[in-house]
Protein backbone atom coordinates (compact mmCIF):
# COMPACT_ATOMS: atom_id res chain seq x y z
CA UNK A 1 0.07 -0.21 0.12
CA UNK A 2 2.65 2.30 0.90
CA UNK A 3 4.51 1.92 -2.55
CA UNK A 4 1.17 2.51 -4.28
CA UNK A 5 0.68 5.48 -2.23
CA UNK A 6 3.74 7.01 -2.93
CA UNK A 7 3.06 6.55 -6.85
CA UNK A 8 0.31 8.71 -6.87
CA UNK A 9 -25.83 -11.94 17.46
CA UNK A 10 -27.11 -12.99 19.35
CA UNK A 11 -30.36 -12.23 18.07
CA UNK A 12 -31.88 -9.00 19.14
CA UNK A 13 -32.88 -9.35 22.86
CA UNK A 14 -35.23 -7.66 21.23
CA UNK A 15 -37.83 -5.78 22.56
CA UNK A 16 -38.83 -2.28 21.06
CA UNK A 17 -36.92 -0.41 23.85
CA UNK A 18 -34.58 2.66 23.90
CA UNK A 19 -31.12 2.73 23.70
CA UNK A 20 -29.19 0.11 26.01
CA UNK A 21 -26.59 0.73 28.12
CA UNK A 22 -22.94 0.49 26.99
CA UNK A 23 -21.11 -2.69 27.45
CA UNK A 24 -19.02 -2.60 30.87
CA UNK A 25 -16.81 -5.03 32.07
CA UNK A 26 -15.67 -5.48 35.35
CA UNK A 27 -11.67 -4.84 35.33
CA UNK A 28 -11.12 -5.01 38.86
CA UNK A 29 -7.62 -6.95 39.80
CA UNK A 30 -7.53 -7.93 36.10
CA UNK A 31 -3.93 -7.02 35.88
CA UNK A 32 -0.78 -7.91 37.89
CA UNK A 33 2.52 -6.29 39.07
CA UNK A 34 4.53 -8.48 36.60
CA UNK A 35 5.77 -7.49 33.07
CA UNK A 36 2.84 -8.67 30.99
CA UNK A 37 3.10 -11.45 28.72
CA UNK A 38 1.66 -9.21 25.68
CA UNK A 39 4.09 -6.27 26.30
CA UNK A 40 4.40 -4.69 23.07
CA UNK A 41 7.60 -5.77 21.46
CA UNK A 42 9.27 -2.07 21.50
CA UNK A 43 7.64 1.51 22.17
CA UNK A 44 7.39 1.74 18.39
CA UNK A 45 5.25 -1.34 18.16
CA UNK A 46 3.16 0.14 20.88
CA UNK A 47 2.78 3.36 19.22
CA UNK A 48 2.03 1.55 15.64
CA UNK A 49 -1.09 -0.32 17.75
CA UNK A 50 -1.83 2.97 19.01
CA UNK A 51 -2.12 4.67 15.84
CA UNK A 52 -4.64 1.66 14.88
CA UNK A 53 -6.72 1.99 18.13
CA UNK A 54 -7.13 5.58 19.01
CA UNK A 55 -6.82 9.05 17.54
CA UNK A 56 -3.34 9.04 17.88
CA UNK A 57 -0.31 8.10 20.09
CA UNK A 58 0.62 10.00 22.97
CA UNK A 59 4.21 9.41 25.00
CA UNK A 60 2.00 8.75 27.99
CA UNK A 61 -0.26 6.06 26.20
CA UNK A 62 2.86 4.28 24.79
CA UNK A 63 4.41 3.95 28.23
CA UNK A 64 1.09 2.73 29.94
CA UNK A 65 0.50 0.38 26.88
CA UNK A 66 4.05 -1.28 27.70
CA UNK A 67 3.55 -1.57 31.18
CA UNK A 68 0.06 -3.17 30.73
CA UNK A 69 0.22 -5.26 27.67
CA UNK A 70 -2.25 -5.31 24.73
CA UNK A 71 -5.25 -7.33 26.68
CA UNK A 72 -5.07 -5.37 29.38
CA UNK A 73 -5.12 -1.85 27.66
CA UNK A 74 -7.87 -3.23 25.47
CA UNK A 75 -9.79 -4.69 28.39
CA UNK A 76 -9.84 -1.26 30.32
CA UNK A 77 -10.68 0.77 27.07
CA UNK A 78 -13.67 -1.34 26.58
CA UNK A 79 -15.15 -0.71 30.19
CA UNK A 80 -14.43 3.11 29.86
CA UNK A 81 -17.76 4.63 29.99
CA UNK A 82 -18.58 6.58 26.91
CA UNK A 83 -17.44 10.53 27.10
CA UNK A 84 -20.53 12.25 25.59
CA UNK A 85 -20.95 15.21 23.57
CA UNK A 86 -24.40 16.16 23.63
CA UNK A 87 -25.08 17.58 27.02
CA UNK A 88 -22.23 20.01 26.55
CA UNK A 89 -23.45 20.95 22.91
CA UNK A 90 -27.01 21.45 24.77
CA UNK A 91 -26.06 23.64 27.17
CA UNK A 92 -23.65 25.80 24.79
CA UNK A 93 -26.97 25.80 22.35
CA UNK A 94 -29.01 27.01 24.99
CA UNK A 95 -26.32 29.51 26.40
CA UNK A 96 -25.85 31.07 23.09
CA UNK A 97 -29.45 31.28 21.78
CA UNK A 98 -29.86 33.13 25.24
CA UNK A 99 -27.43 35.77 24.63
CA UNK A 100 -28.93 36.14 21.11
CA UNK A 101 -26.12 34.17 19.52
CA UNK A 102 -26.31 31.75 16.65
CA UNK A 103 -26.20 28.10 16.68
CA UNK A 104 -24.55 26.02 13.98
CA UNK A 105 -22.89 22.90 13.60
CA UNK A 106 -19.43 24.42 14.16
CA UNK A 107 -20.27 23.97 17.98
CA UNK A 108 -20.71 20.07 17.34
CA UNK A 109 -17.41 19.98 15.29
CA UNK A 110 -15.63 21.65 18.25
CA UNK A 111 -16.74 19.24 20.40
CA UNK A 112 -16.04 16.10 18.55
CA UNK A 113 -12.65 17.13 17.91
CA UNK A 114 -12.30 17.82 21.83
CA UNK A 115 -13.16 14.56 22.56
CA UNK A 116 -11.21 12.67 19.98
CA UNK A 117 -8.01 14.62 21.35
CA UNK A 118 -8.82 14.55 25.05
CA UNK A 119 -11.61 11.91 25.72
CA UNK A 120 -9.96 8.91 27.83
CA UNK A 121 -12.43 6.04 26.26
CA UNK A 122 -10.09 6.58 23.20
CA UNK A 123 -11.04 3.04 21.26
CA UNK A 124 -14.61 3.60 22.04
CA UNK A 125 -14.47 7.49 20.53
CA UNK A 126 -12.43 5.89 17.62
CA UNK A 127 -14.62 2.90 16.97
CA UNK A 128 -17.90 5.31 17.23
CA UNK A 129 -16.36 7.39 14.49
CA UNK A 130 -15.56 4.56 11.86
CA UNK A 131 -19.23 3.35 12.81
CA UNK A 132 -20.41 7.02 11.45
CA UNK A 133 -18.81 5.74 8.58
CA UNK A 134 -20.92 2.76 8.37
CA UNK A 135 -24.00 4.01 9.65
CA UNK A 136 -24.15 7.49 8.00
CA UNK A 137 -25.78 10.40 8.72
CA UNK A 138 -24.79 13.91 7.71
CA UNK A 139 -26.02 17.21 8.40
CA UNK A 140 -25.65 18.04 4.83
CA UNK A 141 -28.84 16.62 4.06
CA UNK A 142 -31.73 19.40 4.05
CA UNK A 143 -33.64 17.49 6.70
CA UNK A 144 -31.23 17.72 9.23
CA UNK A 145 -28.73 20.62 8.88
CA UNK A 146 -28.41 23.10 11.79
CA UNK A 147 -31.68 23.05 12.82
CA UNK A 148 -30.79 19.37 14.59
CA UNK A 149 -27.20 20.05 15.37
CA UNK A 150 -28.04 18.76 19.13
CA UNK A 151 -29.69 15.44 18.08
CA UNK A 152 -26.99 14.93 15.62
CA UNK A 153 -24.25 15.17 18.47
CA UNK A 154 -26.42 12.58 20.52
CA UNK A 155 -26.78 10.20 17.69
CA UNK A 156 -22.93 10.00 17.63
CA UNK A 157 -22.98 9.55 21.42
CA UNK A 158 -25.48 6.83 20.72
CA UNK A 159 -22.82 5.45 18.20
CA UNK A 160 -20.26 5.38 21.18
CA UNK A 161 -22.72 3.79 23.69
CA UNK A 162 -23.28 1.20 21.40
CA UNK A 163 -19.49 0.55 20.07
CA UNK A 164 -19.24 -2.18 22.32
CA UNK A 165 -22.82 -4.05 22.45
CA UNK A 166 -23.88 -6.98 20.14
CA UNK A 167 -24.09 -6.15 16.32
CA UNK A 168 -28.13 -6.76 16.71
CA UNK A 169 -28.71 -3.84 19.57
CA UNK A 170 -26.49 -1.32 17.56
CA UNK A 171 -28.68 -2.18 14.58
CA UNK A 172 -31.78 -1.41 16.90
CA UNK A 173 -30.51 1.64 18.41
CA UNK A 174 -29.58 2.85 14.65
CA UNK A 175 -32.64 2.39 13.51
CA UNK A 176 -34.70 3.89 16.47
CA UNK A 177 -32.66 7.15 15.89
CA UNK A 178 -34.90 9.96 14.62
CA UNK A 179 -31.89 11.48 12.91
CA UNK A 180 -31.46 8.29 11.06
CA UNK A 181 -35.46 8.28 10.62
CA UNK A 182 -35.48 12.11 8.78
CA UNK A 183 -32.05 11.06 6.88
CA UNK A 184 -33.24 8.14 5.33
CA UNK A 185 -37.13 8.77 5.29
CA UNK A 186 -38.12 6.18 8.01
CA UNK A 187 -39.45 9.27 9.82
CA UNK A 188 -43.13 9.74 9.41
CA UNK A 189 -42.87 7.12 6.40
CA UNK A 190 -46.72 5.78 6.08
CA UNK A 191 -48.29 2.86 4.68
CA UNK A 192 -49.41 2.87 0.74
CA UNK A 193 -52.74 4.72 -0.07
CA UNK A 194 -55.76 3.88 -2.44
CA UNK A 195 -58.34 6.07 -3.72
CA UNK A 196 -60.92 4.22 -5.73
CA UNK A 197 -59.03 0.57 -5.23
CA UNK A 198 -56.26 2.18 -6.97
CA UNK A 199 -52.95 2.81 -5.28
CA UNK A 200 -51.68 6.35 -5.26
CA UNK A 201 -48.71 6.40 -3.07
CA UNK A 202 -46.64 3.97 -1.56
CA UNK A 203 -44.29 3.85 1.28
CA UNK A 204 -40.56 5.29 1.37
CA UNK A 205 -38.12 2.90 0.47
CA UNK A 206 -34.85 4.42 1.25
CA UNK A 207 -33.96 3.18 4.92
CA UNK A 208 -35.70 -0.47 3.52
CA UNK A 209 -32.74 -0.51 0.86
CA UNK A 210 -29.86 1.03 2.83
CA UNK A 211 -30.32 -1.28 6.03
CA UNK A 212 -29.38 -4.46 3.85
CA UNK A 213 -27.04 -2.74 1.09
CA UNK A 214 -24.87 -0.42 3.43
CA UNK A 215 -25.82 -1.65 7.03
CA UNK A 216 -25.82 -5.24 7.38
CA UNK A 217 -25.36 -7.74 4.18
CA UNK A 218 -24.31 -5.93 0.98
CA UNK A 219 -25.78 -6.63 -2.61
CA UNK A 220 -24.37 -10.31 -3.18
CA UNK A 221 -24.11 -13.46 -1.08
CA UNK A 222 -20.76 -13.96 0.62
CA UNK A 223 -18.63 -16.47 2.01
CA UNK A 224 -17.28 -16.12 5.72
CA UNK A 225 -14.13 -15.06 4.28
CA UNK A 226 -15.80 -12.59 2.49
CA UNK A 227 -15.45 -13.63 -1.36
CA UNK A 228 -18.33 -14.02 -3.35
CA UNK A 229 -20.68 -17.19 -3.37
CA UNK A 230 -20.64 -18.53 -6.65
CA UNK A 231 -23.50 -20.39 -8.50
CA UNK A 232 -23.55 -21.48 -11.98
CA UNK A 233 -20.58 -19.35 -12.50
CA UNK A 234 -22.06 -15.98 -11.71
CA UNK A 235 -22.31 -14.36 -7.89
CA UNK A 236 -26.03 -14.52 -6.02
CA UNK A 237 -27.90 -11.26 -5.12
CA UNK A 238 -28.77 -11.04 -1.69
CA UNK A 239 -32.58 -9.58 -2.35
CA UNK A 240 -34.42 -8.36 -4.75
CA UNK A 241 -36.32 -5.14 -5.51
CA UNK A 242 -39.55 -7.14 -4.21
CA UNK A 243 -38.05 -7.69 -0.87
CA UNK A 244 -37.17 -3.86 -0.75
CA UNK A 245 -40.77 -2.84 -1.69
CA UNK A 246 -42.19 -5.39 1.09
CA UNK A 247 -39.35 -4.23 3.86
CA UNK A 248 -40.39 -0.99 3.63
CA UNK A 249 -43.71 -1.67 4.61
CA UNK A 250 -41.84 -2.83 8.22
CA UNK A 251 -40.71 1.09 8.80
CA UNK A 252 -43.83 2.88 8.45
CA UNK A 253 -45.93 4.90 11.45
CA UNK A 254 -42.45 6.17 12.90
CA UNK A 255 -42.39 10.02 14.38
CA UNK A 256 -40.89 11.78 16.97
CA UNK A 257 -41.42 10.08 20.40
CA UNK A 258 -43.82 12.32 21.91
CA UNK A 259 -45.69 12.47 18.43
CA UNK A 260 -46.02 16.49 18.34
CA UNK A 261 -47.48 17.79 14.77
CA UNK A 262 -44.96 20.67 14.43
CA UNK A 263 -41.18 20.56 13.70
CA UNK A 264 -38.68 22.06 16.43
CA UNK A 265 -36.99 25.29 16.59
CA UNK A 266 -34.24 26.75 19.14
CA UNK A 267 -36.18 29.14 20.28
CA UNK A 268 -38.55 27.33 22.70
CA UNK A 269 -41.10 26.26 20.21
CA UNK A 270 -41.77 22.67 19.18
CA UNK A 271 -40.14 19.84 20.32
CA UNK A 272 -37.56 20.09 23.51
CA UNK A 273 -33.69 18.37 22.72
CA UNK A 274 -35.19 15.42 24.64
CA UNK A 275 -37.73 14.66 22.25
CA UNK A 276 -35.58 15.28 19.45
CA UNK A 277 -33.01 12.59 19.87
CA UNK A 278 -35.09 10.12 21.81
CA UNK A 279 -35.88 6.95 19.95
CA UNK A 280 -38.51 7.62 17.54
CA UNK A 281 -42.09 5.73 18.68
CA UNK A 282 -44.47 4.17 16.65
CA UNK A 283 -48.60 4.33 16.46
CA UNK A 284 -49.69 1.86 14.28
CA UNK A 285 -53.54 2.20 15.46
CA UNK A 286 -53.46 6.17 15.28
CA UNK A 287 -54.49 8.47 12.20
CA UNK A 288 -51.83 10.56 10.35
CA UNK A 289 -51.89 12.93 9.85
CA UNK A 290 -54.88 13.60 12.23
CA UNK A 291 -57.23 14.64 9.80
CA UNK A 292 -57.11 11.87 7.43
CA UNK A 293 -58.09 8.22 7.77
CA UNK A 294 -54.76 6.85 7.16
CA UNK A 295 -53.23 4.74 9.45
CA UNK A 296 -49.46 4.92 9.80
CA UNK A 297 -48.42 1.57 9.73
CA UNK A 298 -49.02 -0.99 7.45
CA UNK A 299 -49.87 -4.26 9.15
CA UNK A 300 -50.28 -6.56 5.93
CA UNK A 301 -47.92 -9.78 5.66
CA UNK A 302 -44.71 -9.03 4.69
CA UNK A 303 -42.58 -10.94 2.47
CA UNK A 304 -38.83 -10.15 3.38
CA UNK A 305 -35.31 -11.22 3.17
CA UNK A 306 -34.20 -14.59 3.05
CA UNK A 307 -30.61 -16.14 4.45
CA UNK A 308 -30.25 -17.82 0.94
CA UNK A 309 -30.16 -15.10 -1.65
CA UNK A 310 -32.87 -13.14 -3.60
CA UNK A 311 -34.33 -16.62 -4.08
CA UNK A 312 -35.31 -17.16 -0.69
CA UNK A 313 -37.88 -15.05 1.43
CA UNK A 314 -39.19 -15.03 5.16
CA UNK A 315 -42.36 -13.62 6.29
CA UNK A 316 -43.36 -11.12 9.17
CA UNK A 317 -47.14 -11.84 10.43
CA UNK A 318 -50.08 -9.68 9.70
CA UNK A 319 -51.56 -7.45 12.22
CA UNK A 320 -48.52 -7.15 14.31
CA UNK A 321 -47.54 -3.32 16.03
CA UNK A 322 -44.85 -1.65 13.95
CA UNK A 323 -42.60 -2.80 17.57
CA UNK A 324 -42.86 -6.17 16.65
CA UNK A 325 -42.69 -5.80 12.75
CA UNK A 326 -39.36 -4.10 12.98
CA UNK A 327 -37.99 -6.43 15.83
CA UNK A 328 -38.85 -9.37 13.56
CA UNK A 329 -37.41 -7.76 10.60
CA UNK A 330 -33.93 -6.63 12.49
CA UNK A 331 -33.62 -10.06 13.85
CA UNK A 332 -33.66 -11.57 10.39
CA UNK A 333 -31.18 -9.26 8.94
CA UNK A 334 -28.72 -9.56 12.26
CA UNK A 335 -28.79 -13.46 11.63
CA UNK A 336 -28.10 -13.08 8.00
CA UNK A 337 -24.86 -15.20 7.27
CA UNK A 338 -23.52 -11.90 5.20
CA UNK A 339 -23.27 -9.65 8.58
CA UNK A 340 -20.21 -10.82 10.00
CA UNK A 341 -18.25 -10.89 7.14
CA UNK A 342 -19.60 -7.80 5.43
CA UNK A 343 -19.22 -5.58 9.01
CA UNK A 344 -15.86 -7.10 9.99
CA UNK A 345 -14.37 -6.31 6.64
CA UNK A 346 -15.29 -2.65 6.76
CA UNK A 347 -13.88 -2.55 10.37
CA UNK A 348 -10.77 -4.10 9.42
CA UNK A 349 -10.67 -1.58 6.64
CA UNK A 350 -11.25 1.72 9.08
CA UNK A 351 -8.61 0.69 11.80
CA UNK A 352 -5.58 -1.41 10.09
CA UNK A 353 -5.83 -2.02 6.27
CA UNK A 354 -7.51 -1.63 3.16
CA UNK A 355 -7.08 -5.09 1.81
CA UNK A 356 -7.21 -7.75 4.01
CA UNK A 357 -6.52 -11.20 3.41
CA UNK A 358 -9.44 -13.41 3.29
CA UNK A 359 -8.12 -15.74 6.08
CA UNK A 360 -8.17 -12.31 8.49
CA UNK A 361 -11.41 -11.46 7.24
CA UNK A 362 -12.64 -15.34 8.01
CA UNK A 363 -11.07 -15.22 11.77
CA UNK A 364 -12.69 -12.30 12.80
CA UNK A 365 -16.02 -13.55 11.27
CA UNK A 366 -15.54 -16.63 13.90
CA UNK A 367 -15.13 -14.05 16.57
CA UNK A 368 -18.18 -11.95 15.51
CA UNK A 369 -20.51 -15.25 14.96
CA UNK A 370 -19.60 -17.01 18.34
CA UNK A 371 -22.44 -17.05 20.71
CA UNK A 372 -22.02 -14.08 23.70
CA UNK A 373 -19.24 -12.23 21.76
CA UNK A 374 -20.07 -8.45 20.94
CA UNK A 375 -18.48 -5.65 18.93
CA UNK A 376 -16.47 -4.89 21.74
CA UNK A 377 -14.85 -8.80 21.22
CA UNK A 378 -14.85 -8.13 17.28
CA UNK A 379 -12.66 -5.11 17.60
CA UNK A 380 -10.42 -6.52 20.07
CA UNK A 381 -10.02 -9.59 17.78
CA UNK A 382 -9.27 -6.86 14.87
CA UNK A 383 -6.31 -5.11 16.74
CA UNK A 384 -4.58 -8.19 17.85
CA UNK A 385 -5.13 -10.45 14.98
CA UNK A 386 -1.39 -11.51 13.57
CA UNK A 387 -1.99 -9.90 10.22
CA UNK A 388 -2.50 -6.67 12.20
CA UNK A 389 0.40 -6.96 14.69
CA UNK A 390 3.21 -7.77 11.90
CA UNK A 391 3.19 -5.91 8.86
CA UNK A 392 4.99 -7.77 6.19
CA UNK A 393 8.23 -6.34 5.18
CA UNK A 394 8.24 -3.85 2.16
CA UNK A 395 9.22 -5.57 -0.93
CA UNK A 396 8.96 -2.41 -3.43
CA UNK A 397 6.21 -3.59 -5.40
CA UNK A 398 2.61 -2.80 -5.78
CA UNK A 399 2.14 -6.40 -6.37
CA UNK A 400 3.15 -7.45 -2.95
CA UNK A 401 3.31 -4.19 -1.13
CA UNK A 402 -0.72 -4.21 -0.78
CA UNK A 403 -0.56 -3.97 3.14
CA UNK A 404 -1.47 -0.61 4.99
CA UNK A 405 -3.98 2.02 4.50
CA UNK A 406 -4.31 5.83 3.61
CA UNK A 407 -4.74 7.96 6.80
CA UNK A 408 -7.83 9.80 6.81
CA UNK A 409 -7.03 13.81 6.95
CA UNK A 410 -9.12 13.93 9.87
CA UNK A 411 -6.98 11.33 11.71
CA UNK A 412 -3.61 12.82 10.70
CA UNK A 413 -4.74 15.92 12.38
CA UNK A 414 -5.75 14.55 15.54
CA UNK A 415 -2.47 12.38 15.67
CA UNK A 416 -0.48 15.77 15.10
CA UNK A 417 -2.15 17.20 18.13
CA UNK A 418 -1.85 14.07 20.53
CA UNK A 419 1.64 13.30 19.74
CA UNK A 420 2.70 16.92 20.49
CA UNK A 421 0.47 17.66 23.28
CA UNK A 422 -1.68 20.62 21.62
CA UNK A 423 -3.12 22.63 24.31
CA UNK A 424 -6.68 23.50 23.98
CA UNK A 425 -8.23 26.97 23.92
CA UNK A 426 -10.14 28.26 27.07
CA UNK A 427 -13.95 27.75 26.89
CA UNK A 428 -15.51 30.79 25.58
CA UNK A 429 -18.35 32.82 27.75
CA UNK A 430 -20.81 30.02 26.48
CA UNK A 431 -18.84 27.25 27.52
CA UNK A 432 -17.29 26.34 23.93
CA UNK A 433 -14.17 25.23 23.39
CA UNK A 434 -12.80 26.05 20.01
CA UNK A 435 -10.73 23.49 17.89
CA UNK A 436 -11.26 23.98 14.22
CA UNK A 437 -10.33 27.35 13.23
CA UNK A 438 -13.82 29.12 12.87
CA UNK A 439 -14.95 26.67 10.08
CA UNK A 440 -15.35 22.95 9.36
CA UNK A 441 -13.04 20.49 7.38
CA UNK A 442 -15.33 19.15 5.21
CA UNK A 443 -14.18 21.36 2.05
CA UNK A 444 -10.49 21.36 2.77
CA UNK A 445 -10.46 17.40 3.53
CA UNK A 446 -12.97 16.08 1.77
CA UNK A 447 -14.30 14.72 5.16
CA UNK A 448 -15.70 16.08 8.25
CA UNK A 449 -17.58 14.17 11.12
CA UNK A 450 -21.17 13.33 10.38
CA UNK A 451 -20.67 15.75 7.04
CA UNK A 452 -20.87 12.95 4.52
CA UNK A 453 -22.47 14.49 1.07
CA UNK A 454 -24.26 10.94 0.70
CA UNK A 455 -25.24 7.79 2.52
CA UNK A 456 -22.71 6.13 0.91
CA UNK A 457 -20.11 7.97 3.02
CA UNK A 458 -16.77 10.05 1.82
CA UNK A 459 -14.95 6.99 -0.04
CA UNK A 460 -16.50 3.60 -0.48
CA UNK A 461 -14.88 0.41 1.22
CA UNK A 462 -14.38 -0.84 -2.99
CA UNK A 463 -13.17 2.10 -4.34
CA UNK A 464 -10.10 1.43 -6.65
CA UNK A 465 -7.71 4.10 -7.81
CA UNK A 466 -7.26 4.24 -10.84
CA UNK A 467 -3.76 3.22 -11.94
CA UNK A 468 -1.57 0.74 -10.05
CA UNK A 469 -4.29 0.17 -7.35
CA UNK A 470 -6.77 -0.87 -9.97
CA UNK A 471 -4.65 -2.73 -12.30
CA UNK A 472 -3.22 -4.70 -8.99
CA UNK A 473 -6.80 -5.66 -7.93
CA UNK A 474 -6.41 -3.34 -4.50
CA UNK A 475 -8.61 -1.31 -2.74
CA UNK A 476 -7.67 2.43 -1.68
CA UNK A 477 -11.06 3.86 -0.21
CA UNK A 478 -9.62 6.97 1.20
CA UNK A 479 -8.01 7.74 -2.22
CA UNK A 480 -11.50 8.64 -3.11
CA UNK A 481 -11.32 12.05 -1.71
CA UNK A 482 -7.61 12.87 -2.40
CA UNK A 483 -7.17 14.66 -5.73
CA UNK A 484 -5.38 17.94 -6.79
CA UNK A 485 -7.99 20.10 -5.06
CA UNK A 486 -7.98 18.37 -1.49
CA UNK A 487 -4.32 17.67 -1.68
CA UNK A 488 -3.61 21.49 -1.72
CA UNK A 489 -6.53 22.57 0.69
CA UNK A 490 -5.41 19.85 3.27
CA UNK A 491 -1.76 21.08 2.85
CA UNK A 492 -2.80 24.49 3.47
CA UNK A 493 -5.40 23.42 6.67
CA UNK A 494 -2.27 21.69 8.11
CA UNK A 495 -0.16 24.80 7.96
CA UNK A 496 -2.83 26.69 9.85
CA UNK A 497 -2.36 24.28 12.66
CA UNK A 498 1.39 24.19 12.53
CA UNK A 499 2.91 27.51 11.55
CA UNK A 500 0.33 29.49 12.94
CA UNK A 501 -0.78 27.64 15.88
CA UNK A 502 2.38 26.60 18.45
CA UNK A 503 2.48 27.19 22.28
CA UNK A 504 5.15 30.20 22.89
CA UNK A 505 4.29 32.19 19.75
CA UNK A 506 3.50 35.84 19.70
CA UNK A 507 -0.25 36.40 19.63
CA UNK A 508 -1.24 32.91 19.48
CA UNK A 509 -5.01 31.91 17.93
CA UNK A 510 -7.65 31.25 20.07
CA UNK A 511 -9.87 29.48 18.25
CA UNK A 512 -7.40 26.18 17.85
CA UNK A 513 -4.92 24.10 19.85
CA UNK A 514 -1.77 25.02 20.03
CA UNK A 515 1.11 22.31 19.69
CA UNK A 516 3.84 21.64 22.05
CA UNK A 517 7.36 22.13 19.91
CA UNK A 518 9.68 21.96 23.10
CA UNK A 519 10.47 18.29 22.19
CA UNK A 520 12.10 19.42 19.04
CA UNK A 521 13.45 22.98 19.90
CA UNK A 522 15.12 21.30 22.77
CA UNK A 523 17.61 20.03 20.11
CA UNK A 524 17.35 22.92 17.66
CA UNK A 525 21.11 22.80 16.58
CA UNK A 526 20.95 19.16 16.06
CA UNK A 527 19.09 18.44 12.81
CA UNK A 528 19.58 14.73 13.09
CA UNK A 529 18.17 14.59 17.11
CA UNK A 530 15.51 16.57 15.73
CA UNK A 531 14.50 13.96 13.00
CA UNK A 532 14.76 11.26 15.13
CA UNK A 533 12.13 12.84 17.77
CA UNK A 534 10.12 13.36 14.78
CA UNK A 535 10.41 9.63 14.10
CA UNK A 536 9.62 8.54 17.27
CA UNK A 537 6.42 10.99 18.00
CA UNK A 538 5.00 10.41 14.32
CA UNK A 539 6.15 7.65 12.83
CA UNK A 540 6.69 4.91 15.23
CA UNK A 541 10.01 4.61 14.40
CA UNK A 542 9.33 3.37 10.41
CA UNK A 543 10.62 6.64 8.96
CA UNK A 544 12.68 5.61 6.05
CA UNK A 545 16.29 6.45 6.06
CA UNK A 546 15.64 8.74 2.65
CA UNK A 547 12.97 10.75 4.50
CA UNK A 548 15.43 11.00 7.72
CA UNK A 549 18.26 12.43 4.98
CA UNK A 550 15.86 14.86 3.27
CA UNK A 551 14.60 16.06 6.58
CA UNK A 552 17.92 16.50 8.21
CA UNK A 553 19.20 18.19 5.18
CA UNK A 554 16.12 20.85 5.44
CA UNK A 555 16.87 21.61 9.09
CA UNK A 556 20.40 21.65 8.14
CA UNK A 557 19.23 24.64 5.50
CA UNK A 558 17.72 26.18 7.86
CA UNK A 559 20.42 27.02 10.24
CA UNK A 560 19.41 30.68 10.49
CA UNK A 561 15.78 30.14 11.62
CA UNK A 562 14.77 30.17 14.97
CA UNK A 563 14.00 26.93 17.01
CA UNK A 564 10.26 27.23 16.44
CA UNK A 565 10.52 27.64 12.67
CA UNK A 566 12.85 24.59 12.54
CA UNK A 567 10.45 22.44 14.65
CA UNK A 568 7.21 23.58 13.00
CA UNK A 569 8.58 23.26 9.59
CA UNK A 570 9.78 19.62 10.44
CA UNK A 571 6.23 18.48 11.69
CA UNK A 572 4.48 20.31 8.74
CA UNK A 573 6.70 18.77 5.86
CA UNK A 574 6.36 15.26 7.88
CA UNK A 575 2.56 15.82 7.51
CA UNK A 576 2.88 15.83 3.97
CA UNK A 577 4.75 13.63 3.23
CA UNK A 578 3.57 9.99 1.41
CA UNK A 579 4.99 7.69 4.82
CA UNK A 580 2.97 9.66 7.12
CA UNK A 581 -0.10 9.72 5.00
CA UNK A 582 0.42 6.12 4.69
CA UNK A 583 -0.46 3.74 7.96
CA UNK A 584 1.56 0.74 7.71
C-alpha cells in the first residue's frame, strides 16, 4: 500500500426499547505487577498499535501500554464509560440562544475534535467515529442541517454507547434514532394509500434499501472470508426489488417520541432537545395526519429477506404492531450469514488495512459469530490479529506491497495534536472550546464528522484508484477524496495548525489548539536529533532512511531560522509526506 500511495448476534434481545447501556466489563484486579506476557515488543510497536486503536498515540499512552500489555489495555478501554458530547453541546446551544447568538454545526465539530483529542475512552471514541462512516447520517441533508445540531451530536453519542454492544442492538439503536429516521426517510413514513381501489402512494424505500445494502449484508452473498458465493458461474444477489418494497412496509408509522405535529425550533417552540433525540415511537393504530383516515403503519403480511439469496424469503406476520414488525425484521437481518464478513471487513479497513486477507476476515467472522460475543470482542480481535500486529516487510512492488491504508485527513490532524500535547483554548463565555479554527473541514479535507455528502460515506470500501491500485486489484477507499484540490487544501489547512498554532508564539490564535514544540526545540541545533524525535512521535520509528536524510538536510539549511520555525517546519513537512499519509 505504501508503494502505491507513493506512486500517486445474539439475535436481538429485541424488545422495542430505548437505547441499551454501553457494555461495561468489570476489570478489578485483572492486571498484575509483573511484566505482561503480551507486552509490545518495543515502544515503536506500541505506538503503531495505538495509531490503529486511537486518535493518535501520546508518549504517556505508549508508556502505559508497555506496562499493561495489549490485552489489559483493550480490556480497560472496553470498560471505560462513553465520553458524551450532547450534554455539553445542548448547554452551549441554550446559552448562545439566550445570548442572542447563532447556533451552528461548528459547535458540534468543536466538541467532536475535543473528545477525539482529550477523551480517555479513546478506543470507544475511535470506534464510534468509524461506525459513523458505516451507519451514515449527515448534516448535509436538508432535513437535518443546523436545525438538528444537538440531536445529531446525540447520534454520535449513541454510536459511542453502542460501540461495544452486540451488533443486533447497535442496529436497533441506529434504526430507532430520529436522525437516521429523518436522513433515510423512515420518519413519518406511511403505508400505501389507495383512492377508488387504485394505489396512489407507496412507503418510502430508502431505509429499507440501505439497512440491507450498507448497514448489514451488501448486495451479493458472501462466504465467511468475504469472497463471493458463486452459483452457476455467477454471484448470487442477496435480495431483489420485491424484498425492498416489502421491507419498506416494516418502517412505516414512525415519528417523534412524543408525536408532536410541528417541527422543533431553537427558540423554545416545538420539541425539546430530549424529544428530538429520544428513540422514535410508532403509533400503528392512530391516524396520520389527524385529519385523514390513513393509518400510519402497514399491518399486512410482509415477504422479506431470506438467508440464502434473492431466491429465498422470510415472512413477517400480519396484524402486528410496528414495534413487533421492526423486531422481527432486524432479527432476520442480524442473523443473516453475510453480516459478520460484511461488517468485519469494513472495520478492518477502517482500523488496520484496506486490503485484508481473506484469512484475516474469516478469523474475525468467527469471533463475530461466536455466541455471547459483541462488537467489543470483534474490535479486540481485529486489533490483536497477527495480520494487524505484524506487517509484512516492504518488497518495493505494488504486487506485494498491498498492506496498510491511507490515513484519513481527520486522523492525521488528531494524531498531530496528540503527539505534540496540543493545548486547547479556554472555553468561551458560552462554554465552547474552539478546535477547528472557526470553520469545518469538509471543503478542505473532503471529510468531516457526520458531514458525508451521501449515505455512501466520503469513500466507498470497494473504491479502486485508477492506475496501480486498480491494475493490481487493490482497494484504496481514502484515495477517493484525494485529488489535486484536496491535496492542496489539506496541506494549507495543516499549515494553519502547525506554523500558525504553537505554544510560545507571539499573539497565538484562540480558535484552535496550540501544539508543544519543546521536544524538538530542545535539539534545535542538532538536526539529526530533531528528526529522530519526529520519527518516534509521528512515525513510530518507521521513517525511511531517505526521508530522514531529506528532513535532516532541510533543517540544516534552516540554520538561520529560530528554533520554533525549525520545529514547526519539520512537523509540517512530515505531515505532508507519503510516509506519514500511509498507515502501515
